[in-house]
């Protein structure tokens, strides 16, 4: 399985970005998907997750109401729509794929990881 994340970049505070993560080499619809991020000097943290069917989503409190995770199983792609971005959202964002059917927040639930895409939010 390979995951390719894209869509990162530089944006001003209050702006929006949409991240994409394309999967190949596996049965995409059989896996839950998650987004995690790692800010400079900090540990990687959970951002959002979506169940295999897309029927259940979960968000960290810090992004709830601003970010939205979705998936298109026909395109083997998961998205993270990020609105009202803040400087504290600056991080490398990683997509991950896990065999659980649920939208899990725990890193150990995910088996495959993408290479990360950098999001920088300027104040």
PDB file of N, CA and C in Angstrom:
ATOM      1  N   UNK A   1       0.845  -1.186   0.000  1.00  0.00           N
ATOM      2  CA  UNK A   1       0.000   0.000   0.000  1.00  0.00           C
ATOM      3  C   UNK A   1       0.885   1.243   0.000  1.00  0.00           C
ATOM      4  N   UNK A   2       0.518   2.187  -0.832  1.00  0.00           N
ATOM      5  CA  UNK A   2       1.215   3.476  -0.847  1.00  0.00           C
ATOM      6  C   UNK A   2       0.197   4.599  -0.704  1.00  0.00           C
ATOM      7  N   UNK A   3       0.565   5.592   0.089  1.00  0.00           N
ATOM      8  CA  UNK A   3      -0.277   6.761   0.302  1.00  0.00           C
ATOM      9  C   UNK A   3       0.489   7.995  -0.139  1.00  0.00           C
ATOM     10  N   UNK A   4      -0.142   8.808  -0.959  1.00  0.00           N
ATOM     11  CA  UNK A   4       0.482  10.020  -1.475  1.00  0.00           C
ATOM     12  C   UNK A   4      -0.360  11.223  -1.065  1.00  0.00           C
ATOM     13  N   UNK A   5       0.175  11.996  -0.137  1.00  0.00           N
ATOM     14  CA  UNK A   5      -0.527  13.196   0.331  1.00  0.00           C
ATOM     15  C   UNK A   5      -0.111  14.407  -0.490  1.00  0.00           C
ATOM     16  N   UNK A   6      -1.053  15.306  -0.707  1.00  0.00           N
ATOM     17  CA  UNK A   6      -0.772  16.525  -1.459  1.00  0.00           C
ATOM     18  C   UNK A   6      -1.706  17.626  -1.013  1.00  0.00           C
ATOM     19  N   UNK A   7      -1.433  18.839  -1.469  1.00  0.00           N
ATOM     20  CA  UNK A   7      -2.316  19.952  -1.196  1.00  0.00           C
ATOM     21  C   UNK A   7      -1.818  20.935  -0.157  1.00  0.00           C
ATOM     22  N   UNK A   8      -0.699  20.639   0.467  1.00  0.00           N
ATOM     23  CA  UNK A   8      -0.160  21.564   1.442  1.00  0.00           C
ATOM     24  C   UNK A   8       0.382  22.824   0.790  1.00  0.00           C
ATOM     25  N   UNK A   9       0.696  23.802   1.617  1.00  0.00           N
ATOM     26  CA  UNK A   9       1.241  25.047   1.092  1.00  0.00           C
ATOM     27  C   UNK A   9       1.231  26.130   2.138  1.00  0.00           C
ATOM     28  N   UNK A  10       1.457  27.346   1.679  1.00  0.00           N
ATOM     29  CA  UNK A  10       1.476  28.519   2.545  1.00  0.00           C
ATOM     30  C   UNK A  10       0.156  29.270   2.391  1.00  0.00           C
ATOM     31  N   UNK A  11      -0.460  29.574   3.512  1.00  0.00           N
ATOM     32  CA  UNK A  11      -1.733  30.278   3.491  1.00  0.00           C
ATOM     33  C   UNK A  11      -1.780  31.257   4.653  1.00  0.00           C
ATOM     34  N   UNK A  12      -2.504  32.335   4.476  1.00  0.00           N
ATOM     35  CA  UNK A  12      -2.656  33.297   5.561  1.00  0.00           C
ATOM     36  C   UNK A  12      -3.679  32.808   6.578  1.00  0.00           C
ATOM     37  N   UNK A  13      -3.551  33.274   7.781  1.00  0.00           N
ATOM     38  CA  UNK A  13      -4.522  32.940   8.819  1.00  0.00           C
ATOM     39  C   UNK A  13      -5.927  33.330   8.345  1.00  0.00           C
ATOM     40  N   UNK A  14      -6.874  32.437   8.614  1.00  0.00           N
ATOM     41  CA  UNK A  14      -8.243  32.641   8.154  1.00  0.00           C
ATOM     42  C   UNK A  14      -8.532  32.004   6.813  1.00  0.00           C
ATOM     43  N   UNK A  15      -7.497  31.571   6.132  1.00  0.00           N
ATOM     44  CA  UNK A  15      -7.653  30.973   4.820  1.00  0.00           C
ATOM     45  C   UNK A  15      -8.002  29.503   4.884  1.00  0.00           C
ATOM     46  N   UNK A  16      -8.054  28.884   3.703  1.00  0.00           N
ATOM     47  CA  UNK A  16      -8.454  27.489   3.576  1.00  0.00           C
ATOM     48  C   UNK A  16      -7.477  26.719   2.703  1.00  0.00           C
ATOM     49  N   UNK A  17      -7.404  25.430   2.956  1.00  0.00           N
ATOM     50  CA  UNK A  17      -6.659  24.499   2.114  1.00  0.00           C
ATOM     51  C   UNK A  17      -7.409  23.180   2.116  1.00  0.00           C
ATOM     52  N   UNK A  18      -7.240  22.425   1.043  1.00  0.00           N
ATOM     53  CA  UNK A  18      -7.773  21.069   1.012  1.00  0.00           C
ATOM     54  C   UNK A  18      -6.646  20.100   0.724  1.00  0.00           C
ATOM     55  N   UNK A  19      -6.432  19.201   1.654  1.00  0.00           N
ATOM     56  CA  UNK A  19      -5.437  18.155   1.482  1.00  0.00           C
ATOM     57  C   UNK A  19      -6.094  16.930   0.855  1.00  0.00           C
ATOM     58  N   UNK A  20      -5.317  16.235   0.050  1.00  0.00           N
ATOM     59  CA  UNK A  20      -5.765  14.982  -0.550  1.00  0.00           C
ATOM     60  C   UNK A  20      -4.755  13.895  -0.235  1.00  0.00           C
ATOM     61  N   UNK A  21      -5.239  12.684  -0.188  1.00  0.00           N
ATOM     62  CA  UNK A  21      -4.349  11.541   0.024  1.00  0.00           C
ATOM     63  C   UNK A  21      -4.862  10.407  -0.865  1.00  0.00           C
ATOM     64  N   UNK A  22      -4.077  10.071  -1.858  1.00  0.00           N
ATOM     65  CA  UNK A  22      -4.441   9.015  -2.792  1.00  0.00           C
ATOM     66  C   UNK A  22      -3.771   7.712  -2.385  1.00  0.00           C
ATOM     67  N   UNK A  23      -4.546   6.655  -2.345  1.00  0.00           N
ATOM     68  CA  UNK A  23      -4.034   5.341  -1.953  1.00  0.00           C
ATOM     69  C   UNK A  23      -3.922   4.421  -3.159  1.00  0.00           C
ATOM     70  N   UNK A  24      -2.926   3.573  -3.127  1.00  0.00           N
ATOM     71  CA  UNK A  24      -2.765   2.576  -4.174  1.00  0.00           C
ATOM     72  C   UNK A  24      -2.232   1.289  -3.568  1.00  0.00           C
ATOM     73  N   UNK A  25      -2.578   0.188  -4.191  1.00  0.00           N
ATOM     74  CA  UNK A  25      -2.046  -1.091  -3.761  1.00  0.00           C
ATOM     75  C   UNK A  25      -2.862  -1.825  -2.727  1.00  0.00           C
ATOM     76  N   UNK A  26      -4.008  -1.305  -2.362  1.00  0.00           N
ATOM     77  CA  UNK A  26      -4.844  -1.984  -1.379  1.00  0.00           C
ATOM     78  C   UNK A  26      -6.313  -1.778  -1.675  1.00  0.00           C
ATOM     79  N   UNK A  27      -7.162  -2.437  -0.914  1.00  0.00           N
ATOM     80  CA  UNK A  27      -8.597  -2.251  -1.064  1.00  0.00           C
ATOM     81  C   UNK A  27      -9.013  -1.075  -0.194  1.00  0.00           C
ATOM     82  N   UNK A  28      -9.044   0.083  -0.801  1.00  0.00           N
ATOM     83  CA  UNK A  28      -9.214   1.332  -0.062  1.00  0.00           C
ATOM     84  C   UNK A  28     -10.468   1.310   0.806  1.00  0.00           C
ATOM     85  N   UNK A  29     -11.546   0.797   0.280  1.00  0.00           N
ATOM     86  CA  UNK A  29     -12.812   0.830   1.010  1.00  0.00           C
ATOM     87  C   UNK A  29     -12.806  -0.081   2.232  1.00  0.00           C
ATOM     88  N   UNK A  30     -11.811  -0.907   2.356  1.00  0.00           N
ATOM     89  CA  UNK A  30     -11.704  -1.812   3.499  1.00  0.00           C
ATOM     90  C   UNK A  30     -10.935  -1.233   4.669  1.00  0.00           C
ATOM     91  N   UNK A  31     -10.516   0.018   4.567  1.00  0.00           N
ATOM     92  CA  UNK A  31      -9.678   0.627   5.585  1.00  0.00           C
ATOM     93  C   UNK A  31     -10.273   1.937   6.089  1.00  0.00           C
ATOM     94  N   UNK A  32     -10.136   2.149   7.381  1.00  0.00           N
ATOM     95  CA  UNK A  32     -10.379   3.474   7.934  1.00  0.00           C
ATOM     96  C   UNK A  32      -9.208   4.379   7.567  1.00  0.00           C
ATOM     97  N   UNK A  33      -9.464   5.669   7.486  1.00  0.00           N
ATOM     98  CA  UNK A  33      -8.426   6.624   7.130  1.00  0.00           C
ATOM     99  C   UNK A  33      -8.332   7.715   8.184  1.00  0.00           C
ATOM    100  N   UNK A  34      -7.119   8.194   8.380  1.00  0.00           N
ATOM    101  CA  UNK A  34      -6.926   9.253   9.353  1.00  0.00           C
ATOM    102  C   UNK A  34      -5.935  10.287   8.865  1.00  0.00           C
ATOM    103  N   UNK A  35      -6.033  11.461   9.467  1.00  0.00           N
ATOM    104  CA  UNK A  35      -5.053  12.523   9.262  1.00  0.00           C
ATOM    105  C   UNK A  35      -4.418  12.845  10.612  1.00  0.00           C
ATOM    106  N   UNK A  36      -3.122  12.958  10.604  1.00  0.00           N
ATOM    107  CA  UNK A  36      -2.348  13.342  11.773  1.00  0.00           C
ATOM    108  C   UNK A  36      -1.435  14.495  11.376  1.00  0.00           C
ATOM    109  N   UNK A  37      -0.900  15.192  12.352  1.00  0.00           N
ATOM    110  CA  UNK A  37       0.022  16.287  12.042  1.00  0.00           C
ATOM    111  C   UNK A  37       1.128  16.356  13.080  1.00  0.00           C
ATOM    112  N   UNK A  38       2.253  16.912  12.631  1.00  0.00           N
ATOM    113  CA  UNK A  38       3.383  17.100  13.521  1.00  0.00           C
ATOM    114  C   UNK A  38       3.938  18.491  13.323  1.00  0.00           C
ATOM    115  N   UNK A  39       3.817  19.289  14.352  1.00  0.00           N
ATOM    116  CA  UNK A  39       4.353  20.650  14.327  1.00  0.00           C
ATOM    117  C   UNK A  39       5.827  20.619  14.718  1.00  0.00           C
ATOM    118  N   UNK A  40       6.580  21.635  14.335  1.00  0.00           N
ATOM    119  CA  UNK A  40       8.005  21.669  14.668  1.00  0.00           C
ATOM    120  C   UNK A  40       8.233  21.538  16.159  1.00  0.00           C
ATOM    121  N   UNK A  41       9.074  20.593  16.556  1.00  0.00           N
ATOM    122  CA  UNK A  41       9.415  20.426  17.954  1.00  0.00           C
ATOM    123  C   UNK A  41       8.368  19.721  18.789  1.00  0.00           C
ATOM    124  N   UNK A  42       7.319  19.220  18.137  1.00  0.00           N
ATOM    125  CA  UNK A  42       6.249  18.556  18.880  1.00  0.00           C
ATOM    126  C   UNK A  42       6.044  17.134  18.370  1.00  0.00           C
ATOM    127  N   UNK A  43       5.337  16.353  19.147  1.00  0.00           N
ATOM    128  CA  UNK A  43       5.020  14.995  18.739  1.00  0.00           C
ATOM    129  C   UNK A  43       3.844  15.014  17.748  1.00  0.00           C
ATOM    130  N   UNK A  44       3.781  13.952  16.992  1.00  0.00           N
ATOM    131  CA  UNK A  44       2.681  13.831  16.046  1.00  0.00           C
ATOM    132  C   UNK A  44       1.363  13.678  16.813  1.00  0.00           C
ATOM    133  N   UNK A  45       0.290  14.291  16.284  1.00  0.00           N
ATOM    134  CA  UNK A  45      -0.983  14.254  16.975  1.00  0.00           C
ATOM    135  C   UNK A  45      -2.113  13.960  15.993  1.00  0.00           C
ATOM    136  N   UNK A  46      -3.184  13.440  16.539  1.00  0.00           N
ATOM    137  CA  UNK A  46      -4.372  13.113  15.762  1.00  0.00           C
ATOM    138  C   UNK A  46      -5.090  14.385  15.331  1.00  0.00           C
ATOM    139  N   UNK A  47      -5.624  14.363  14.097  1.00  0.00           N
ATOM    140  CA  UNK A  47      -6.412  15.489  13.595  1.00  0.00           C
ATOM    141  C   UNK A  47      -7.844  15.045  13.309  1.00  0.00           C
ATOM    142  N   UNK A  48      -7.984  14.041  12.450  1.00  0.00           N
ATOM    143  CA  UNK A  48      -9.317  13.613  12.037  1.00  0.00           C
ATOM    144  C   UNK A  48      -9.251  12.191  11.507  1.00  0.00           C
ATOM    145  N   UNK A  49     -10.392  11.512  11.542  1.00  0.00           N
ATOM    146  CA  UNK A  49     -10.458  10.152  11.021  1.00  0.00           C
ATOM    147  C   UNK A  49     -11.844   9.895  10.451  1.00  0.00           C
ATOM    148  N   UNK A  50     -11.897   8.915   9.558  1.00  0.00           N
ATOM    149  CA  UNK A  50     -13.162   8.559   8.929  1.00  0.00           C
ATOM    150  C   UNK A  50     -13.225   7.037   8.809  1.00  0.00           C
ATOM    151  N   UNK A  51     -14.389   6.497   9.053  1.00  0.00           N
ATOM    152  CA  UNK A  51     -14.567   5.050   9.001  1.00  0.00           C
ATOM    153  C   UNK A  51     -14.519   4.545   7.560  1.00  0.00           C
ATOM    154  N   UNK A  52     -14.510   3.238   7.439  1.00  0.00           N
ATOM    155  CA  UNK A  52     -14.389   2.627   6.113  1.00  0.00           C
ATOM    156  C   UNK A  52     -15.490   3.078   5.161  1.00  0.00           C
ATOM    157  N   UNK A  53     -16.686   3.151   5.679  1.00  0.00           N
ATOM    158  CA  UNK A  53     -17.822   3.516   4.836  1.00  0.00           C
ATOM    159  C   UNK A  53     -17.957   5.022   4.652  1.00  0.00           C
ATOM    160  N   UNK A  54     -17.292   5.762   5.517  1.00  0.00           N
ATOM    161  CA  UNK A  54     -17.442   7.219   5.512  1.00  0.00           C
ATOM    162  C   UNK A  54     -18.575   7.697   6.381  1.00  0.00           C
ATOM    163  N   UNK A  55     -19.256   6.772   7.028  1.00  0.00           N
ATOM    164  CA  UNK A  55     -20.425   7.144   7.812  1.00  0.00           C
ATOM    165  C   UNK A  55     -20.103   7.750   9.169  1.00  0.00           C
ATOM    166  N   UNK A  56     -18.895   7.526   9.644  1.00  0.00           N
ATOM    167  CA  UNK A  56     -18.496   8.045  10.962  1.00  0.00           C
ATOM    168  C   UNK A  56     -17.212   8.839  10.823  1.00  0.00           C
ATOM    169  N   UNK A  57     -17.190  10.001  11.434  1.00  0.00           N
ATOM    170  CA  UNK A  57     -15.984  10.818  11.463  1.00  0.00           C
ATOM    171  C   UNK A  57     -15.662  11.194  12.904  1.00  0.00           C
ATOM    172  N   UNK A  58     -14.416  11.527  13.129  1.00  0.00           N
ATOM    173  CA  UNK A  58     -13.960  11.928  14.458  1.00  0.00           C
ATOM    174  C   UNK A  58     -12.928  13.022  14.281  1.00  0.00           C
ATOM    175  N   UNK A  59     -12.957  14.002  15.177  1.00  0.00           N
ATOM    176  CA  UNK A  59     -12.041  15.133  15.095  1.00  0.00           C
ATOM    177  C   UNK A  59     -11.428  15.430  16.453  1.00  0.00           C
ATOM    178  N   UNK A  60     -10.213  15.928  16.410  1.00  0.00           N
ATOM    179  CA  UNK A  60      -9.640  16.483  17.618  1.00  0.00           C
ATOM    180  C   UNK A  60     -10.380  17.778  17.933  1.00  0.00           C
ATOM    181  N   UNK A  61     -10.474  18.090  19.209  1.00  0.00           N
ATOM    182  CA  UNK A  61     -11.205  19.293  19.611  1.00  0.00           C
ATOM    183  C   UNK A  61     -10.612  20.559  19.002  1.00  0.00           C
ATOM    184  N   UNK A  62      -9.322  20.558  18.743  1.00  0.00           N
ATOM    185  CA  UNK A  62      -8.664  21.765  18.245  1.00  0.00           C
ATOM    186  C   UNK A  62      -9.072  22.124  16.817  1.00  0.00           C
ATOM    187  N   UNK A  63      -9.647  21.165  16.084  1.00  0.00           N
ATOM    188  CA  UNK A  63     -10.016  21.422  14.695  1.00  0.00           C
ATOM    189  C   UNK A  63     -11.515  21.269  14.455  1.00  0.00           C
ATOM    190  N   UNK A  64     -12.234  20.841  15.476  1.00  0.00           N
ATOM    191  CA  UNK A  64     -13.664  20.593  15.322  1.00  0.00           C
ATOM    192  C   UNK A  64     -14.370  21.876  14.898  1.00  0.00           C
ATOM    193  N   UNK A  65     -15.209  21.777  13.869  1.00  0.00           N
ATOM    194  CA  UNK A  65     -15.921  22.942  13.373  1.00  0.00           C
ATOM    195  C   UNK A  65     -15.164  23.710  12.302  1.00  0.00           C
ATOM    196  N   UNK A  66     -13.876  23.418  12.143  1.00  0.00           N
ATOM    197  CA  UNK A  66     -13.064  24.102  11.120  1.00  0.00           C
ATOM    198  C   UNK A  66     -12.599  23.140  10.030  1.00  0.00           C
ATOM    199  N   UNK A  67     -12.309  21.910  10.395  1.00  0.00           N
ATOM    200  CA  UNK A  67     -11.818  20.916   9.446  1.00  0.00           C
ATOM    201  C   UNK A  67     -12.918  19.899   9.165  1.00  0.00           C
ATOM    202  N   UNK A  68     -12.849  19.327   7.953  1.00  0.00           N
ATOM    203  CA  UNK A  68     -13.815  18.305   7.576  1.00  0.00           C
ATOM    204  C   UNK A  68     -13.105  17.208   6.789  1.00  0.00           C
ATOM    205  N   UNK A  69     -13.264  15.971   7.235  1.00  0.00           N
ATOM    206  CA  UNK A  69     -12.659  14.841   6.552  1.00  0.00           C
ATOM    207  C   UNK A  69     -13.729  14.142   5.718  1.00  0.00           C
ATOM    208  N   UNK A  70     -13.343  13.708   4.537  1.00  0.00           N
ATOM    209  CA  UNK A  70     -14.267  12.977   3.666  1.00  0.00           C
ATOM    210  C   UNK A  70     -13.458  11.988   2.835  1.00  0.00           C
ATOM    211  N   UNK A  71     -14.161  11.094   2.192  1.00  0.00           N
ATOM    212  CA  UNK A  71     -13.467  10.111   1.356  1.00  0.00           C
ATOM    213  C   UNK A  71     -14.300   9.800   0.124  1.00  0.00           C
ATOM    214  N   UNK A  72     -13.608   9.434  -0.933  1.00  0.00           N
ATOM    215  CA  UNK A  72     -14.240   8.986  -2.166  1.00  0.00           C
ATOM    216  C   UNK A  72     -13.673   7.609  -2.471  1.00  0.00           C
ATOM    217  N   UNK A  73     -14.422   6.584  -2.131  1.00  0.00           N
ATOM    218  CA  UNK A  73     -13.910   5.224  -2.293  1.00  0.00           C
ATOM    219  C   UNK A  73     -13.736   4.853  -3.764  1.00  0.00           C
ATOM    220  N   UNK A  74     -14.460   5.505  -4.646  1.00  0.00           N
ATOM    221  CA  UNK A  74     -14.305   5.238  -6.078  1.00  0.00           C
ATOM    222  C   UNK A  74     -12.976   5.781  -6.604  1.00  0.00           C
ATOM    223  N   UNK A  75     -12.465   6.804  -5.938  1.00  0.00           N
ATOM    224  CA  UNK A  75     -11.194   7.415  -6.352  1.00  0.00           C
ATOM    225  C   UNK A  75     -10.040   7.032  -5.432  1.00  0.00           C
ATOM    226  N   UNK A  76     -10.317   6.180  -4.443  1.00  0.00           N
ATOM    227  CA  UNK A  76      -9.270   5.763  -3.491  1.00  0.00           C
ATOM    228  C   UNK A  76      -8.583   6.971  -2.846  1.00  0.00           C
ATOM    229  N   UNK A  77      -9.368   7.949  -2.472  1.00  0.00           N
ATOM    230  CA  UNK A  77      -8.817   9.202  -1.975  1.00  0.00           C
ATOM    231  C   UNK A  77      -9.564   9.675  -0.738  1.00  0.00           C
ATOM    232  N   UNK A  78      -8.805  10.187   0.210  1.00  0.00           N
ATOM    233  CA  UNK A  78      -9.372  10.830   1.382  1.00  0.00           C
ATOM    234  C   UNK A  78      -8.960  12.297   1.357  1.00  0.00           C
ATOM    235  N   UNK A  79      -9.845  13.141   1.853  1.00  0.00           N
ATOM    236  CA  UNK A  79      -9.619  14.579   1.824  1.00  0.00           C
ATOM    237  C   UNK A  79      -9.679  15.157   3.232  1.00  0.00           C
ATOM    238  N   UNK A  80      -9.005  16.281   3.404  1.00  0.00           N
ATOM    239  CA  UNK A  80      -9.132  17.061   4.627  1.00  0.00           C
ATOM    240  C   UNK A  80      -9.327  18.515   4.211  1.00  0.00           C
ATOM    241  N   UNK A  81     -10.550  18.993   4.352  1.00  0.00           N
ATOM    242  CA  UNK A  81     -10.851  20.391   4.077  1.00  0.00           C
ATOM    243  C   UNK A  81     -10.568  21.190   5.344  1.00  0.00           C
ATOM    244  N   UNK A  82      -9.683  22.161   5.229  1.00  0.00           N
ATOM    245  CA  UNK A  82      -9.272  22.943   6.382  1.00  0.00           C
ATOM    246  C   UNK A  82      -9.676  24.389   6.161  1.00  0.00           C
ATOM    247  N   UNK A  83     -10.563  24.875   7.009  1.00  0.00           N
ATOM    248  CA  UNK A  83     -11.041  26.255   6.925  1.00  0.00           C
ATOM    249  C   UNK A  83     -10.622  27.034   8.168  1.00  0.00           C
ATOM    250  N   UNK A  84     -10.697  28.331   8.054  1.00  0.00           N
ATOM    251  CA  UNK A  84     -10.355  29.217   9.167  1.00  0.00           C
ATOM    252  C   UNK A  84      -9.033  28.791   9.807  1.00  0.00           C
ATOM    253  N   UNK A  85      -8.042  28.651   8.993  1.00  0.00           N
ATOM    254  CA  UNK A  85      -6.747  28.176   9.471  1.00  0.00           C
ATOM    255  C   UNK A  85      -6.097  29.174  10.416  1.00  0.00           C
ATOM    256  N   UNK A  86      -5.379  28.633  11.381  1.00  0.00           N
ATOM    257  CA  UNK A  86      -4.688  29.422  12.395  1.00  0.00           C
ATOM    258  C   UNK A  86      -3.188  29.120  12.318  1.00  0.00           C
ATOM    259  N   UNK A  87      -2.354  30.031  12.782  1.00  0.00           N
ATOM    260  CA  UNK A  87      -0.906  29.756  12.784  1.00  0.00           C
ATOM    261  C   UNK A  87      -0.561  28.463  13.518  1.00  0.00           C
ATOM    262  N   UNK A  88      -1.309  28.124  14.542  1.00  0.00           N
ATOM    263  CA  UNK A  88      -1.031  26.888  15.291  1.00  0.00           C
ATOM    264  C   UNK A  88      -1.389  25.622  14.518  1.00  0.00           C
ATOM    265  N   UNK A  89      -2.005  25.770  13.352  1.00  0.00           N
ATOM    266  CA  UNK A  89      -2.248  24.617  12.486  1.00  0.00           C
ATOM    267  C   UNK A  89      -1.019  24.281  11.636  1.00  0.00           C
ATOM    268  N   UNK A  90      -0.009  25.113  11.687  1.00  0.00           N
ATOM    269  CA  UNK A  90       1.216  24.858  10.929  1.00  0.00           C
ATOM    270  C   UNK A  90       1.845  23.542  11.364  1.00  0.00           C
ATOM    271  N   UNK A  91       2.048  22.659  10.391  1.00  0.00           N
ATOM    272  CA  UNK A  91       2.581  21.335  10.688  1.00  0.00           C
ATOM    273  C   UNK A  91       2.757  20.562   9.384  1.00  0.00           C
ATOM    274  N   UNK A  92       3.441  19.447   9.505  1.00  0.00           N
ATOM    275  CA  UNK A  92       3.419  18.460   8.426  1.00  0.00           C
ATOM    276  C   UNK A  92       2.218  17.554   8.676  1.00  0.00           C
ATOM    277  N   UNK A  93       1.390  17.401   7.670  1.00  0.00           N
ATOM    278  CA  UNK A  93       0.175  16.606   7.792  1.00  0.00           C
ATOM    279  C   UNK A  93       0.379  15.257   7.109  1.00  0.00           C
ATOM    280  N   UNK A  94       0.051  14.210   7.834  1.00  0.00           N
ATOM    281  CA  UNK A  94       0.210  12.849   7.353  1.00  0.00           C
ATOM    282  C   UNK A  94      -1.148  12.161   7.233  1.00  0.00           C
ATOM    283  N   UNK A  95      -1.349  11.432   6.147  1.00  0.00           N
ATOM    284  CA  UNK A  95      -2.517  10.574   6.072  1.00  0.00           C
ATOM    285  C   UNK A  95      -2.095   9.160   6.452  1.00  0.00           C
ATOM    286  N   UNK A  96      -3.055   8.413   6.952  1.00  0.00           N
ATOM    287  CA  UNK A  96      -2.772   7.065   7.414  1.00  0.00           C
ATOM    288  C   UNK A  96      -3.960   6.164   7.119  1.00  0.00           C
ATOM    289  N   UNK A  97      -3.666   4.885   6.963  1.00  0.00           N
ATOM    290  CA  UNK A  97      -4.675   3.894   6.618  1.00  0.00           C
ATOM    291  C   UNK A  97      -4.619   2.763   7.628  1.00  0.00           C
ATOM    292  N   UNK A  98      -5.776   2.377   8.148  1.00  0.00           N
ATOM    293  CA  UNK A  98      -5.807   1.332   9.156  1.00  0.00           C
ATOM    294  C   UNK A  98      -6.882   0.296   8.896  1.00  0.00           C
ATOM    295  N   UNK A  99      -6.633  -0.922   9.366  1.00  0.00           N
ATOM    296  CA  UNK A  99      -7.541  -2.035   9.098  1.00  0.00           C
ATOM    297  C   UNK A  99      -8.802  -1.989   9.941  1.00  0.00           C
ATOM    298  N   UNK A 100      -8.836  -1.130  10.934  1.00  0.00           N
ATOM    299  CA  UNK A 100     -10.045  -1.014  11.747  1.00  0.00           C
ATOM    300  C   UNK A 100     -11.188  -0.468  10.914  1.00  0.00           C
ATOM    301  N   UNK A 101     -12.389  -0.855  11.245  1.00  0.00           N
ATOM    302  CA  UNK A 101     -13.555  -0.334  10.549  1.00  0.00           C
ATOM    303  C   UNK A 101     -13.952   1.036  11.088  1.00  0.00           C
ATOM    304  N   UNK A 102     -13.360   1.398  12.224  1.00  0.00           N
ATOM    305  CA  UNK A 102     -13.802   2.613  12.915  1.00  0.00           C
ATOM    306  C   UNK A 102     -12.899   3.812  12.630  1.00  0.00           C
ATOM    307  N   UNK A 103     -13.385   4.993  12.966  1.00  0.00           N
ATOM    308  CA  UNK A 103     -12.621   6.225  12.840  1.00  0.00           C
ATOM    309  C   UNK A 103     -11.793   6.402  14.109  1.00  0.00           C
ATOM    310  N   UNK A 104     -10.635   5.754  14.147  1.00  0.00           N
ATOM    311  CA  UNK A 104      -9.808   5.736  15.351  1.00  0.00           C
ATOM    312  C   UNK A 104      -8.878   6.933  15.440  1.00  0.00           C
ATOM    313  N   UNK A 105      -8.598   7.355  16.669  1.00  0.00           N
ATOM    314  CA  UNK A 105      -7.680   8.464  16.901  1.00  0.00           C
ATOM    315  C   UNK A 105      -6.283   8.003  17.283  1.00  0.00           C
ATOM    316  N   UNK A 106      -6.142   6.718  17.588  1.00  0.00           N
ATOM    317  CA  UNK A 106      -4.858   6.211  18.072  1.00  0.00           C
ATOM    318  C   UNK A 106      -3.944   5.838  16.915  1.00  0.00           C
ATOM    319  N   UNK A 107      -2.705   6.302  16.982  1.00  0.00           N
ATOM    320  CA  UNK A 107      -1.757   6.029  15.913  1.00  0.00           C
ATOM    321  C   UNK A 107      -1.540   4.541  15.685  1.00  0.00           C
ATOM    322  N   UNK A 108      -1.523   3.749  16.751  1.00  0.00           N
ATOM    323  CA  UNK A 108      -1.189   2.337  16.590  1.00  0.00           C
ATOM    324  C   UNK A 108      -2.264   1.568  15.825  1.00  0.00           C
ATOM    325  N   UNK A 109      -3.409   2.205  15.614  1.00  0.00           N
ATOM    326  CA  UNK A 109      -4.476   1.568  14.848  1.00  0.00           C
ATOM    327  C   UNK A 109      -4.223   1.653  13.336  1.00  0.00           C
ATOM    328  N   UNK A 110      -3.222   2.426  12.953  1.00  0.00           N
ATOM    329  CA  UNK A 110      -2.968   2.667  11.537  1.00  0.00           C
ATOM    330  C   UNK A 110      -1.709   1.921  11.084  1.00  0.00           C
ATOM    331  N   UNK A 111      -1.838   1.268   9.962  1.00  0.00           N
ATOM    332  CA  UNK A 111      -0.782   0.394   9.478  1.00  0.00           C
ATOM    333  C   UNK A 111       0.092   1.026   8.396  1.00  0.00           C
ATOM    334  N   UNK A 112      -0.453   1.945   7.654  1.00  0.00           N
ATOM    335  CA  UNK A 112       0.268   2.539   6.528  1.00  0.00           C
ATOM    336  C   UNK A 112       0.207   4.063   6.654  1.00  0.00           C
ATOM    337  N   UNK A 113       1.326   4.689   6.289  1.00  0.00           N
ATOM    338  CA  UNK A 113       1.443   6.140   6.427  1.00  0.00           C
ATOM    339  C   UNK A 113       1.980   6.754   5.149  1.00  0.00           C
ATOM    340  N   UNK A 114       1.468   7.943   4.827  1.00  0.00           N
ATOM    341  CA  UNK A 114       1.985   8.702   3.705  1.00  0.00           C
ATOM    342  C   UNK A 114       3.217   9.486   4.101  1.00  0.00           C
ATOM    343  N   UNK A 115       3.776  10.217   3.153  1.00  0.00           N
ATOM    344  CA  UNK A 115       5.041  10.907   3.384  1.00  0.00           C
ATOM    345  C   UNK A 115       4.864  12.264   4.032  1.00  0.00           C
ATOM    346  N   UNK A 116       3.678  12.775   4.078  1.00  0.00           N
ATOM    347  CA  UNK A 116       3.442  14.067   4.712  1.00  0.00           C
ATOM    348  C   UNK A 116       3.439  15.216   3.726  1.00  0.00           C
ATOM    349  N   UNK A 117       2.635  16.223   4.028  1.00  0.00           N
ATOM    350  CA  UNK A 117       2.592  17.444   3.225  1.00  0.00           C
ATOM    351  C   UNK A 117       2.594  18.626   4.200  1.00  0.00           C
ATOM    352  N   UNK A 118       3.404  19.625   3.907  1.00  0.00           N
ATOM    353  CA  UNK A 118       3.612  20.736   4.828  1.00  0.00           C
ATOM    354  C   UNK A 118       2.544  21.807   4.642  1.00  0.00           C
ATOM    355  N   UNK A 119       1.937  22.184   5.755  1.00  0.00           N
ATOM    356  CA  UNK A 119       0.990  23.293   5.789  1.00  0.00           C
ATOM    357  C   UNK A 119       1.579  24.383   6.668  1.00  0.00           C
ATOM    358  N   UNK A 120       1.700  25.569   6.110  1.00  0.00           N
ATOM    359  CA  UNK A 120       2.231  26.707   6.850  1.00  0.00           C
ATOM    360  C   UNK A 120       1.190  27.814   6.843  1.00  0.00           C
ATOM    361  N   UNK A 121       0.799  28.249   8.031  1.00  0.00           N
ATOM    362  CA  UNK A 121      -0.200  29.303   8.166  1.00  0.00           C
ATOM    363  C   UNK A 121       0.483  30.532   8.745  1.00  0.00           C
ATOM    364  N   UNK A 122       0.471  31.593   7.988  1.00  0.00           N
ATOM    365  CA  UNK A 122       1.121  32.828   8.435  1.00  0.00           C
ATOM    366  C   UNK A 122       0.108  33.729   9.146  1.00  0.00           C
ATOM    367  N   UNK A 123       0.628  34.477  10.105  1.00  0.00           N
ATOM    368  CA  UNK A 123      -0.260  35.371  10.884  1.00  0.00           C
ATOM    369  C   UNK A 123      -0.362  36.746  10.249  1.00  0.00           C
TER     370      UNK A 123
END
